[in-house]
Amino acid sequence: TAESLKNASSGTQNNPTDPTAAKPSSQSEDSMSATSALLGSVNSRSYPAFITKAAVLHLISEKAEFLLRHPHVFITPALLKAYVHLQSLLHQPASFPDIFHLYAHKPIPVPGSSTSTSTDKNKPPITFKPSHPTKPSAAIPTPTANLALTTAITTHSLPLSLSIINTTFSTLAYRRSKTLQHLLLPGSLLTVSPLAAYTLSTSFSNWQNTMDPSYATGVAFAGICTYVASVCSIGYVAITTANDQMQRVTWAQGVPLWERWVREEERAALDRVALAWGFEGLERRGEEVGWEWEVLREEVGVRGCVLDKSELMEGME
């Protein structure tokens, strides 16, 4: 009857030993428990109440520095320029001295051979060879160093500005790089000038009949060499003693001319720092006081320069 069928069906649902009735309930309970666990894990995640612009900029700066500090990343001049430009946009120049030092001293990664032999199985995939911080290739490019110094001056941090100068313009690698770039062509021409002078002297001696050709060759050769040496000496003195570009930081007496030329960018960087920390008005120069100004004056003196030379100041000629 219908009543007996109803009782039978209700008994089947309430019978816990029936395997056919237990399967759907257990599956539904498992699905409900998994869903609850997933929702619980999502709800239990901790999110910051708000994300500030400063936090995002600091995170970008930190990740960029982490990439350059990674042992397997080789820092190229283009990569260093991009990093300095990024940190300048973020106004985060605090890492510049460390990165510049890392650029010159970081071990160079060398990838292993692509062929897998029995002898290469024990070798690591990447090996490192030591860098040479005094080579010209380890010098910081001048535009990159100037951009870093400009950013440090903008943040008005004197220790950071001096540290950037120490790791860029004051290094031996930078001086060698400047010498190689600016003196390679003039030095080559000066080296071959005696040969060119002798060739011209021989030709000139054949155009006259008043002297012996060998004697005429010697006279012409001596005259050409004297002219070249005189012009080169005057040009060298004029270049190394020029001071029209100097404003507040000048060279002290006794500094060799060669050192003045090769360290001109270092002096110019100190001059920029002095102009940024001192008074803008010409009539108030020399009145600066404070511990930062004293530190700057001492730093300038240690480097063989003079801050606010009295005979070069306005009205003291």
C-alpha atoms as a PDB file:
ATOM      1  CA  THR A   1       0.000   0.000   0.000  1.00  0.00           C
ATOM      2  CA  ALA A   2       0.952   3.613  -0.181  1.00  0.00           C
ATOM      3  CA  GLU A   3       1.344   3.837   3.571  1.00  0.00           C
ATOM      4  CA  SER A   4       3.717   0.877   3.698  1.00  0.00           C
ATOM      5  CA  LEU A   5       5.757   2.241   0.803  1.00  0.00           C
ATOM      6  CA  LYS A   6       6.063   5.548   2.619  1.00  0.00           C
ATOM      7  CA  ASN A   7       7.260   3.825   5.778  1.00  0.00           C
ATOM      8  CA  ALA A   8       9.729   1.749   3.808  1.00  0.00           C
ATOM      9  CA  SER A   9      11.175   4.777   2.076  1.00  0.00           C
ATOM     10  CA  SER A  10      11.493   6.694   5.333  1.00  0.00           C
ATOM     11  CA  GLY A  11      13.138   3.704   6.948  1.00  0.00           C
ATOM     12  CA  THR A  12      15.628   3.482   4.152  1.00  0.00           C
ATOM     13  CA  GLN A  13      16.572   7.147   4.544  1.00  0.00           C
ATOM     14  CA  ASN A  14      16.944   6.845   8.307  1.00  0.00           C
ATOM     15  CA  ASN A  15      18.955   3.605   8.161  1.00  0.00           C
ATOM     16  CA  PRO A  16      22.612   4.494   8.631  1.00  0.00           C
ATOM     17  CA  THR A  17      23.795   1.064   7.609  1.00  0.00           C
ATOM     18  CA  ASP A  18      22.455   1.339   4.093  1.00  0.00           C
ATOM     19  CA  PRO A  19      25.471   1.977   1.830  1.00  0.00           C
ATOM     20  CA  THR A  20      23.409   3.444  -0.979  1.00  0.00           C
ATOM     21  CA  ALA A  21      21.968   6.044   1.335  1.00  0.00           C
ATOM     22  CA  ALA A  22      25.270   6.906   3.006  1.00  0.00           C
ATOM     23  CA  LYS A  23      27.146   7.776  -0.208  1.00  0.00           C
ATOM     24  CA  PRO A  24      25.308  10.963  -1.187  1.00  0.00           C
ATOM     25  CA  SER A  25      25.376  12.320   2.343  1.00  0.00           C
ATOM     26  CA  SER A  26      29.107  11.697   2.743  1.00  0.00           C
ATOM     27  CA  GLN A  27      29.877  13.302  -0.638  1.00  0.00           C
ATOM     28  CA  SER A  28      27.828  16.363   0.226  1.00  0.00           C
ATOM     29  CA  GLU A  29      29.541  16.660   3.602  1.00  0.00           C
ATOM     30  CA  ASP A  30      32.984  16.405   1.971  1.00  0.00           C
ATOM     31  CA  SER A  31      32.117  19.060  -0.579  1.00  0.00           C
ATOM     32  CA  MET A  32      30.738  21.325   2.109  1.00  0.00           C
ATOM     33  CA  SER A  33      33.846  20.883   4.268  1.00  0.00           C
ATOM     34  CA  ALA A  34      36.189  21.624   1.325  1.00  0.00           C
ATOM     35  CA  THR A  35      34.226  24.729   0.399  1.00  0.00           C
ATOM     36  CA  SER A  36      34.210  25.902   3.989  1.00  0.00           C
ATOM     37  CA  ALA A  37      37.957  25.374   4.278  1.00  0.00           C
ATOM     38  CA  LEU A  38      38.583  27.314   1.054  1.00  0.00           C
ATOM     39  CA  LEU A  39      36.376  30.193   2.119  1.00  0.00           C
ATOM     40  CA  GLY A  40      37.947  30.162   5.549  1.00  0.00           C
ATOM     41  CA  SER A  41      41.454  30.411   4.107  1.00  0.00           C
ATOM     42  CA  VAL A  42      40.413  33.310   1.900  1.00  0.00           C
ATOM     43  CA  ASN A  43      38.769  35.124   4.774  1.00  0.00           C
ATOM     44  CA  SER A  44      41.739  34.534   7.056  1.00  0.00           C
ATOM     45  CA  ARG A  45      44.233  36.221   4.694  1.00  0.00           C
ATOM     46  CA  SER A  46      45.660  39.420   6.041  1.00  0.00           C
ATOM     47  CA  TYR A  47      45.439  42.386   3.710  1.00  0.00           C
ATOM     48  CA  PRO A  48      46.768  45.839   4.518  1.00  0.00           C
ATOM     49  CA  ALA A  49      44.154  48.346   5.409  1.00  0.00           C
ATOM     50  CA  PHE A  50      45.488  50.710   2.710  1.00  0.00           C
ATOM     51  CA  ILE A  51      48.375  50.845   0.212  1.00  0.00           C
ATOM     52  CA  THR A  52      50.244  54.121   0.090  1.00  0.00           C
ATOM     53  CA  LYS A  53      52.134  55.554  -2.847  1.00  0.00           C
ATOM     54  CA  ALA A  54      55.327  55.676  -0.799  1.00  0.00           C
ATOM     55  CA  ALA A  55      55.059  51.948  -0.045  1.00  0.00           C
ATOM     56  CA  VAL A  56      54.679  51.099  -3.738  1.00  0.00           C
ATOM     57  CA  LEU A  57      57.644  53.283  -4.732  1.00  0.00           C
ATOM     58  CA  HIS A  58      59.770  51.793  -1.970  1.00  0.00           C
ATOM     59  CA  LEU A  59      58.866  48.277  -3.134  1.00  0.00           C
ATOM     60  CA  ILE A  60      59.837  49.061  -6.736  1.00  0.00           C
ATOM     61  CA  SER A  61      63.138  50.542  -5.577  1.00  0.00           C
ATOM     62  CA  GLU A  62      63.859  47.553  -3.370  1.00  0.00           C
ATOM     63  CA  LYS A  63      63.147  45.020  -6.133  1.00  0.00           C
ATOM     64  CA  ALA A  64      65.321  46.894  -8.628  1.00  0.00           C
ATOM     65  CA  GLU A  65      68.217  46.901  -6.180  1.00  0.00           C
ATOM     66  CA  PHE A  66      67.665  43.199  -5.487  1.00  0.00           C
ATOM     67  CA  LEU A  67      67.964  42.421  -9.209  1.00  0.00           C
ATOM     68  CA  LEU A  68      71.320  44.185  -9.507  1.00  0.00           C
ATOM     69  CA  ARG A  69      72.653  42.522  -6.368  1.00  0.00           C
ATOM     70  CA  HIS A  70      71.799  39.039  -7.641  1.00  0.00           C
ATOM     71  CA  PRO A  71      75.031  37.076  -8.188  1.00  0.00           C
ATOM     72  CA  HIS A  72      73.999  35.861 -11.656  1.00  0.00           C
ATOM     73  CA  VAL A  73      73.187  39.342 -12.992  1.00  0.00           C
ATOM     74  CA  PHE A  74      76.022  41.018 -14.904  1.00  0.00           C
ATOM     75  CA  ILE A  75      75.759  44.798 -14.555  1.00  0.00           C
ATOM     76  CA  THR A  76      76.306  46.462 -17.930  1.00  0.00           C
ATOM     77  CA  PRO A  77      76.637  50.242 -18.427  1.00  0.00           C
ATOM     78  CA  ALA A  78      73.160  50.344 -19.990  1.00  0.00           C
ATOM     79  CA  LEU A  79      71.664  48.434 -17.054  1.00  0.00           C
ATOM     80  CA  LEU A  80      73.418  50.726 -14.581  1.00  0.00           C
ATOM     81  CA  LYS A  81      72.130  53.795 -16.416  1.00  0.00           C
ATOM     82  CA  ALA A  82      68.563  52.445 -16.362  1.00  0.00           C
ATOM     83  CA  TYR A  83      68.845  51.697 -12.644  1.00  0.00           C
ATOM     84  CA  VAL A  84      70.118  55.176 -11.806  1.00  0.00           C
ATOM     85  CA  HIS A  85      67.396  56.748 -13.945  1.00  0.00           C
ATOM     86  CA  LEU A  86      64.712  54.659 -12.219  1.00  0.00           C
ATOM     87  CA  GLN A  87      65.927  55.456  -8.727  1.00  0.00           C
ATOM     88  CA  SER A  88      66.183  59.122  -9.655  1.00  0.00           C
ATOM     89  CA  LEU A  89      62.547  59.125 -10.726  1.00  0.00           C
ATOM     90  CA  LEU A  90      61.624  57.404  -7.460  1.00  0.00           C
ATOM     91  CA  HIS A  91      63.798  59.827  -5.426  1.00  0.00           C
ATOM     92  CA  GLN A  92      65.615  56.868  -3.827  1.00  0.00           C
ATOM     93  CA  PRO A  93      69.355  57.578  -4.333  1.00  0.00           C
ATOM     94  CA  ALA A  94      70.584  56.021  -1.085  1.00  0.00           C
ATOM     95  CA  SER A  95      71.814  52.856  -2.821  1.00  0.00           C
ATOM     96  CA  PHE A  96      73.935  54.600  -5.472  1.00  0.00           C
ATOM     97  CA  PRO A  97      77.344  54.342  -3.709  1.00  0.00           C
ATOM     98  CA  ASP A  98      76.892  50.636  -2.961  1.00  0.00           C
ATOM     99  CA  ILE A  99      75.732  49.871  -6.501  1.00  0.00           C
ATOM    100  CA  PHE A 100      78.637  51.833  -8.011  1.00  0.00           C
ATOM    101  CA  HIS A 101      81.059  49.912  -5.811  1.00  0.00           C
ATOM    102  CA  LEU A 102      79.332  46.675  -6.799  1.00  0.00           C
ATOM    103  CA  TYR A 103      79.609  47.620 -10.489  1.00  0.00           C
ATOM    104  CA  ALA A 104      83.401  47.672 -10.211  1.00  0.00           C
ATOM    105  CA  HIS A 105      83.949  44.810  -7.739  1.00  0.00           C
ATOM    106  CA  LYS A 106      81.170  42.318  -8.508  1.00  0.00           C
ATOM    107  CA  PRO A 107      82.454  38.909  -9.722  1.00  0.00           C
ATOM    108  CA  ILE A 108      81.692  38.301 -13.380  1.00  0.00           C
ATOM    109  CA  PRO A 109      79.427  35.261 -14.035  1.00  0.00           C
ATOM    110  CA  VAL A 110      80.614  32.933 -16.784  1.00  0.00           C
ATOM    111  CA  PRO A 111      78.083  30.387 -18.134  1.00  0.00           C
ATOM    112  CA  GLY A 112      79.234  26.816 -18.511  1.00  0.00           C
ATOM    113  CA  SER A 113      79.555  24.943 -21.794  1.00  0.00           C
ATOM    114  CA  SER A 114      76.357  23.741 -23.448  1.00  0.00           C
ATOM    115  CA  THR A 115      77.825  20.327 -24.313  1.00  0.00           C
ATOM    116  CA  SER A 116      77.428  17.787 -21.526  1.00  0.00           C
ATOM    117  CA  THR A 117      80.431  15.481 -21.306  1.00  0.00           C
ATOM    118  CA  SER A 118      81.620  13.222 -18.560  1.00  0.00           C
ATOM    119  CA  THR A 119      84.238  15.742 -17.463  1.00  0.00           C
ATOM    120  CA  ASP A 120      81.763  18.644 -17.344  1.00  0.00           C
ATOM    121  CA  LYS A 121      79.155  16.898 -15.234  1.00  0.00           C
ATOM    122  CA  ASN A 122      80.854  17.847 -11.979  1.00  0.00           C
ATOM    123  CA  LYS A 123      81.318  21.492 -13.000  1.00  0.00           C
ATOM    124  CA  PRO A 124      78.720  24.061 -11.906  1.00  0.00           C
ATOM    125  CA  PRO A 125      76.561  25.574 -14.671  1.00  0.00           C
ATOM    126  CA  ILE A 126      77.798  29.076 -13.833  1.00  0.00           C
ATOM    127  CA  THR A 127      81.258  30.001 -12.627  1.00  0.00           C
ATOM    128  CA  PHE A 128      82.550  33.370 -11.458  1.00  0.00           C
ATOM    129  CA  LYS A 129      85.796  35.113 -12.278  1.00  0.00           C
ATOM    130  CA  PRO A 130      87.132  38.025 -10.232  1.00  0.00           C
ATOM    131  CA  SER A 131      86.695  41.538 -11.535  1.00  0.00           C
ATOM    132  CA  HIS A 132      89.389  44.189 -11.932  1.00  0.00           C
ATOM    133  CA  PRO A 133      88.157  47.408 -10.306  1.00  0.00           C
ATOM    134  CA  THR A 134      91.076  49.468 -11.636  1.00  0.00           C
ATOM    135  CA  LYS A 135      90.506  48.688 -15.313  1.00  0.00           C
ATOM    136  CA  PRO A 136      89.022  51.451 -17.503  1.00  0.00           C
ATOM    137  CA  SER A 137      85.957  49.294 -18.149  1.00  0.00           C
ATOM    138  CA  ALA A 138      85.099  49.468 -14.427  1.00  0.00           C
ATOM    139  CA  ALA A 139      84.676  53.249 -14.530  1.00  0.00           C
ATOM    140  CA  ILE A 140      81.221  54.709 -14.044  1.00  0.00           C
ATOM    141  CA  PRO A 141      80.118  56.575 -17.208  1.00  0.00           C
ATOM    142  CA  THR A 142      80.146  60.344 -16.771  1.00  0.00           C
ATOM    143  CA  PRO A 143      76.439  60.951 -17.642  1.00  0.00           C
ATOM    144  CA  THR A 144      75.371  58.270 -15.162  1.00  0.00           C
ATOM    145  CA  ALA A 145      77.569  59.699 -12.413  1.00  0.00           C
ATOM    146  CA  ASN A 146      76.298  63.233 -13.047  1.00  0.00           C
ATOM    147  CA  LEU A 147      72.677  62.063 -12.888  1.00  0.00           C
ATOM    148  CA  ALA A 148      73.316  60.260  -9.603  1.00  0.00           C
ATOM    149  CA  LEU A 149      75.023  63.326  -8.134  1.00  0.00           C
ATOM    150  CA  THR A 150      72.157  65.567  -9.246  1.00  0.00           C
ATOM    151  CA  THR A 151      69.655  63.304  -7.498  1.00  0.00           C
ATOM    152  CA  ALA A 152      71.730  63.270  -4.308  1.00  0.00           C
ATOM    153  CA  ILE A 153      71.976  67.063  -4.345  1.00  0.00           C
ATOM    154  CA  THR A 154      68.205  67.271  -4.840  1.00  0.00           C
ATOM    155  CA  THR A 155      67.669  65.211  -1.689  1.00  0.00           C
ATOM    156  CA  HIS A 156      70.126  67.546   0.121  1.00  0.00           C
ATOM    157  CA  SER A 157      72.255  64.753   1.554  1.00  0.00           C
ATOM    158  CA  LEU A 158      75.903  65.797   1.886  1.00  0.00           C
ATOM    159  CA  PRO A 159      77.297  62.374   2.965  1.00  0.00           C
ATOM    160  CA  LEU A 160      75.518  60.726   0.038  1.00  0.00           C
ATOM    161  CA  SER A 161      76.864  63.291  -2.428  1.00  0.00           C
ATOM    162  CA  LEU A 162      80.441  62.833  -1.205  1.00  0.00           C
ATOM    163  CA  SER A 163      80.068  59.046  -1.314  1.00  0.00           C
ATOM    164  CA  ILE A 164      78.900  59.223  -4.929  1.00  0.00           C
ATOM    165  CA  ILE A 165      81.940  61.341  -5.813  1.00  0.00           C
ATOM    166  CA  ASN A 166      84.229  58.830  -4.084  1.00  0.00           C
ATOM    167  CA  THR A 167      82.800  55.884  -6.039  1.00  0.00           C
ATOM    168  CA  THR A 168      82.671  57.608  -9.440  1.00  0.00           C
ATOM    169  CA  PHE A 169      85.017  60.494 -10.268  1.00  0.00           C
ATOM    170  CA  SER A 170      87.657  59.740  -7.625  1.00  0.00           C
ATOM    171  CA  THR A 171      88.388  56.161  -8.672  1.00  0.00           C
ATOM    172  CA  LEU A 172      91.536  55.090 -10.477  1.00  0.00           C
ATOM    173  CA  ALA A 173      89.421  53.354 -13.114  1.00  0.00           C
ATOM    174  CA  TYR A 174      87.741  56.642 -14.033  1.00  0.00           C
ATOM    175  CA  ARG A 175      91.084  58.414 -14.454  1.00  0.00           C
ATOM    176  CA  ARG A 176      92.387  55.636 -16.664  1.00  0.00           C
ATOM    177  CA  SER A 177      89.206  55.662 -18.712  1.00  0.00           C
ATOM    178  CA  LYS A 178      89.447  59.417 -19.250  1.00  0.00           C
ATOM    179  CA  THR A 179      93.096  59.152 -20.226  1.00  0.00           C
ATOM    180  CA  LEU A 180      92.352  56.390 -22.700  1.00  0.00           C
ATOM    181  CA  GLN A 181      89.406  58.188 -24.269  1.00  0.00           C
ATOM    182  CA  HIS A 182      90.934  61.653 -24.598  1.00  0.00           C
ATOM    183  CA  LEU A 183      94.606  60.909 -25.214  1.00  0.00           C
ATOM    184  CA  LEU A 184      94.462  57.903 -27.522  1.00  0.00           C
ATOM    185  CA  LEU A 185      94.156  59.905 -30.750  1.00  0.00           C
ATOM    186  CA  PRO A 186      96.491  62.793 -29.800  1.00  0.00           C
ATOM    187  CA  GLY A 187      99.047  60.349 -28.422  1.00  0.00           C
ATOM    188  CA  SER A 188      98.967  58.310 -31.623  1.00  0.00           C
ATOM    189  CA  LEU A 189      99.477  61.423 -33.747  1.00  0.00           C
ATOM    190  CA  LEU A 190     102.311  62.595 -31.520  1.00  0.00           C
ATOM    191  CA  THR A 191     103.978  59.196 -31.786  1.00  0.00           C
ATOM    192  CA  VAL A 192     104.011  59.187 -35.590  1.00  0.00           C
ATOM    193  CA  SER A 193     104.912  62.886 -35.848  1.00  0.00           C
ATOM    194  CA  PRO A 194     108.724  62.285 -35.954  1.00  0.00           C
ATOM    195  CA  LEU A 195     108.296  59.906 -38.881  1.00  0.00           C
ATOM    196  CA  ALA A 196     106.085  62.394 -40.687  1.00  0.00           C
ATOM    197  CA  ALA A 197     108.557  65.185 -39.918  1.00  0.00           C
ATOM    198  CA  TYR A 198     111.457  63.180 -41.329  1.00  0.00           C
ATOM    199  CA  THR A 199     109.496  62.391 -44.485  1.00  0.00           C
ATOM    200  CA  LEU A 200     108.661  66.054 -45.018  1.00  0.00           C
ATOM    201  CA  SER A 201     112.253  67.084 -44.275  1.00  0.00           C
ATOM    202  CA  THR A 202     113.568  64.698 -46.908  1.00  0.00           C
ATOM    203  CA  SER A 203     111.160  66.103 -49.458  1.00  0.00           C
ATOM    204  CA  PHE A 204     112.022  69.706 -48.596  1.00  0.00           C
ATOM    205  CA  SER A 205     115.768  69.032 -48.892  1.00  0.00           C
ATOM    206  CA  ASN A 206     115.326  67.985 -52.512  1.00  0.00           C
ATOM    207  CA  TRP A 207     113.681  71.302 -53.408  1.00  0.00           C
ATOM    208  CA  GLN A 208     116.758  73.450 -52.617  1.00  0.00           C
ATOM    209  CA  ASN A 209     120.322  73.650 -53.926  1.00  0.00           C
ATOM    210  CA  THR A 210     121.994  75.920 -51.368  1.00  0.00           C
ATOM    211  CA  MET A 211     122.881  73.241 -48.803  1.00  0.00           C
ATOM    212  CA  ASP A 212     123.860  69.654 -48.736  1.00  0.00           C
ATOM    213  CA  PRO A 213     120.692  67.470 -48.874  1.00  0.00           C
ATOM    214  CA  SER A 214     121.552  65.603 -45.678  1.00  0.00           C
ATOM    215  CA  TYR A 215     122.281  68.850 -43.817  1.00  0.00           C
ATOM    216  CA  ALA A 216     119.074  70.417 -45.137  1.00  0.00           C
ATOM    217  CA  THR A 217     117.138  67.368 -44.016  1.00  0.00           C
ATOM    218  CA  GLY A 218     118.490  67.725 -40.479  1.00  0.00           C
ATOM    219  CA  VAL A 219     117.677  71.445 -40.329  1.00  0.00           C
ATOM    220  CA  ALA A 220     114.126  70.928 -41.586  1.00  0.00           C
ATOM    221  CA  PHE A 221     113.586  67.987 -39.250  1.00  0.00           C
ATOM    222  CA  ALA A 222     114.753  69.992 -36.232  1.00  0.00           C
ATOM    223  CA  GLY A 223     112.547  72.938 -37.197  1.00  0.00           C
ATOM    224  CA  ILE A 224     109.412  70.817 -37.632  1.00  0.00           C
ATOM    225  CA  CYS A 225     109.973  68.933 -34.369  1.00  0.00           C
ATOM    226  CA  THR A 226     110.592  72.192 -32.491  1.00  0.00           C
ATOM    227  CA  TYR A 227     107.390  73.700 -33.871  1.00  0.00           C
ATOM    228  CA  VAL A 228     105.300  70.643 -32.950  1.00  0.00           C
ATOM    229  CA  ALA A 229     106.801  70.453 -29.452  1.00  0.00           C
ATOM    230  CA  SER A 230     106.235  74.168 -28.815  1.00  0.00           C
ATOM    231  CA  VAL A 231     102.603  74.082 -29.940  1.00  0.00           C
ATOM    232  CA  CYS A 232     101.885  70.942 -27.901  1.00  0.00           C
ATOM    233  CA  SER A 233     103.504  72.421 -24.787  1.00  0.00           C
ATOM    234  CA  ILE A 234     101.537  75.659 -25.045  1.00  0.00           C
ATOM    235  CA  GLY A 235      98.303  73.737 -25.609  1.00  0.00           C
ATOM    236  CA  TYR A 236      99.000  71.438 -22.672  1.00  0.00           C
ATOM    237  CA  VAL A 237      99.627  74.349 -20.320  1.00  0.00           C
ATOM    238  CA  ALA A 238      96.562  76.207 -21.586  1.00  0.00           C
ATOM    239  CA  ILE A 239      94.266  73.214 -21.075  1.00  0.00           C
ATOM    240  CA  THR A 240      95.561  72.234 -17.644  1.00  0.00           C
ATOM    241  CA  THR A 241      95.640  75.760 -16.203  1.00  0.00           C
ATOM    242  CA  ALA A 242      92.230  76.935 -17.437  1.00  0.00           C
ATOM    243  CA  ASN A 243      90.069  78.074 -14.513  1.00  0.00           C
ATOM    244  CA  ASP A 244      87.180  79.937 -16.143  1.00  0.00           C
ATOM    245  CA  GLN A 245      84.833  77.059 -15.289  1.00  0.00           C
ATOM    246  CA  MET A 246      85.736  77.125 -11.584  1.00  0.00           C
ATOM    247  CA  GLN A 247      83.367  78.973  -9.250  1.00  0.00           C
ATOM    248  CA  ARG A 248      83.906  78.061  -5.583  1.00  0.00           C
ATOM    249  CA  VAL A 249      86.307  75.091  -5.636  1.00  0.00           C
ATOM    250  CA  THR A 250      89.740  75.673  -7.182  1.00  0.00           C
ATOM    251  CA  TRP A 251      93.029  73.828  -7.180  1.00  0.00           C
ATOM    252  CA  ALA A 252      95.530  74.432  -4.420  1.00  0.00           C
ATOM    253  CA  GLN A 253      99.071  75.542  -5.189  1.00  0.00           C
ATOM    254  CA  GLY A 254     101.497  72.747  -5.971  1.00  0.00           C
ATOM    255  CA  VAL A 255      99.037  70.353  -7.619  1.00  0.00           C
ATOM    256  CA  PRO A 256     100.680  68.992 -10.806  1.00  0.00           C
ATOM    257  CA  LEU A 257      99.175  70.053 -14.118  1.00  0.00           C
ATOM    258  CA  TRP A 258      98.563  66.482 -15.182  1.00  0.00           C
ATOM    259  CA  GLU A 259      96.635  65.756 -12.000  1.00  0.00           C
ATOM    260  CA  ARG A 260      94.577  68.887 -12.499  1.00  0.00           C
ATOM    261  CA  TRP A 261      93.470  67.747 -15.915  1.00  0.00           C
ATOM    262  CA  VAL A 262      92.771  64.124 -15.052  1.00  0.00           C
ATOM    263  CA  ARG A 263      90.819  65.075 -11.893  1.00  0.00           C
ATOM    264  CA  GLU A 264      88.862  67.964 -13.368  1.00  0.00           C
ATOM    265  CA  GLU A 265      85.526  66.091 -13.174  1.00  0.00           C
ATOM    266  CA  GLU A 266      86.133  65.394  -9.492  1.00  0.00           C
ATOM    267  CA  ARG A 267      86.777  69.084  -8.823  1.00  0.00           C
ATOM    268  CA  ALA A 268      83.703  70.064 -10.855  1.00  0.00           C
ATOM    269  CA  ALA A 269      81.550  67.669  -8.816  1.00  0.00           C
ATOM    270  CA  LEU A 270      82.808  69.215  -5.567  1.00  0.00           C
ATOM    271  CA  ASP A 271      82.098  72.622  -7.050  1.00  0.00           C
ATOM    272  CA  ARG A 272      78.493  71.602  -7.730  1.00  0.00           C
ATOM    273  CA  VAL A 273      78.093  70.404  -4.152  1.00  0.00           C
ATOM    274  CA  ALA A 274      79.548  73.650  -2.782  1.00  0.00           C
ATOM    275  CA  LEU A 275      77.197  75.714  -4.938  1.00  0.00           C
ATOM    276  CA  ALA A 276      74.212  73.681  -3.729  1.00  0.00           C
ATOM    277  CA  TRP A 277      75.114  73.961  -0.019  1.00  0.00           C
ATOM    278  CA  GLY A 278      76.294  77.569   0.014  1.00  0.00           C
ATOM    279  CA  PHE A 279      74.553  80.888  -0.450  1.00  0.00           C
ATOM    280  CA  GLU A 280      73.371  81.716  -3.945  1.00  0.00           C
ATOM    281  CA  GLY A 281      74.233  85.399  -3.733  1.00  0.00           C
ATOM    282  CA  LEU A 282      77.771  86.334  -4.730  1.00  0.00           C
ATOM    283  CA  GLU A 283      77.974  88.963  -2.008  1.00  0.00           C
ATOM    284  CA  ARG A 284      77.319  86.386   0.747  1.00  0.00           C
ATOM    285  CA  ARG A 285      79.828  83.761  -0.323  1.00  0.00           C
ATOM    286  CA  GLY A 286      82.251  82.935   2.458  1.00  0.00           C
ATOM    287  CA  GLU A 287      79.724  83.552   5.244  1.00  0.00           C
ATOM    288  CA  GLU A 288      78.480  79.955   5.455  1.00  0.00           C
ATOM    289  CA  VAL A 289      78.674  78.228   8.841  1.00  0.00           C
ATOM    290  CA  GLY A 290      77.606  74.870  10.252  1.00  0.00           C
ATOM    291  CA  TRP A 291      78.990  71.373  10.574  1.00  0.00           C
ATOM    292  CA  GLU A 292      78.082  70.399   7.011  1.00  0.00           C
ATOM    293  CA  TRP A 293      79.995  73.322   5.582  1.00  0.00           C
ATOM    294  CA  GLU A 294      83.014  72.516   7.727  1.00  0.00           C
ATOM    295  CA  VAL A 295      82.897  68.884   6.608  1.00  0.00           C
ATOM    296  CA  LEU A 296      82.723  70.021   2.991  1.00  0.00           C
ATOM    297  CA  ARG A 297      85.631  72.420   3.468  1.00  0.00           C
ATOM    298  CA  GLU A 298      87.752  69.673   5.015  1.00  0.00           C
ATOM    299  CA  GLU A 299      86.824  67.215   2.262  1.00  0.00           C
ATOM    300  CA  VAL A 300      87.773  69.729  -0.404  1.00  0.00           C
ATOM    301  CA  GLY A 301      91.110  70.406   1.298  1.00  0.00           C
ATOM    302  CA  VAL A 302      91.962  66.713   1.546  1.00  0.00           C
ATOM    303  CA  ARG A 303      91.509  66.377  -2.222  1.00  0.00           C
ATOM    304  CA  GLY A 304      94.037  69.099  -3.009  1.00  0.00           C
ATOM    305  CA  CYS A 305      91.514  71.875  -3.608  1.00  0.00           C
ATOM    306  CA  VAL A 306      90.566  75.141  -1.943  1.00  0.00           C
ATOM    307  CA  LEU A 307      87.041  76.257  -1.114  1.00  0.00           C
ATOM    308  CA  ASP A 308      86.425  79.973  -1.703  1.00  0.00           C
ATOM    309  CA  LYS A 309      89.932  81.073  -2.580  1.00  0.00           C
ATOM    310  CA  SER A 310      90.166  84.672  -1.430  1.00  0.00           C
ATOM    311  CA  GLU A 311      91.970  86.054  -4.492  1.00  0.00           C
ATOM    312  CA  LEU A 312      89.321  84.564  -6.809  1.00  0.00           C
ATOM    313  CA  MET A 313      86.268  85.832  -4.916  1.00  0.00           C
ATOM    314  CA  GLU A 314      84.144  88.761  -6.066  1.00  0.00           C
ATOM    315  CA  GLY A 315      85.888  92.082  -5.428  1.00  0.00           C
ATOM    316  CA  MET A 316      89.140  90.473  -4.204  1.00  0.00           C
ATOM    317  CA  GLU A 317      91.100  90.443  -7.460  1.00  0.00           C
END
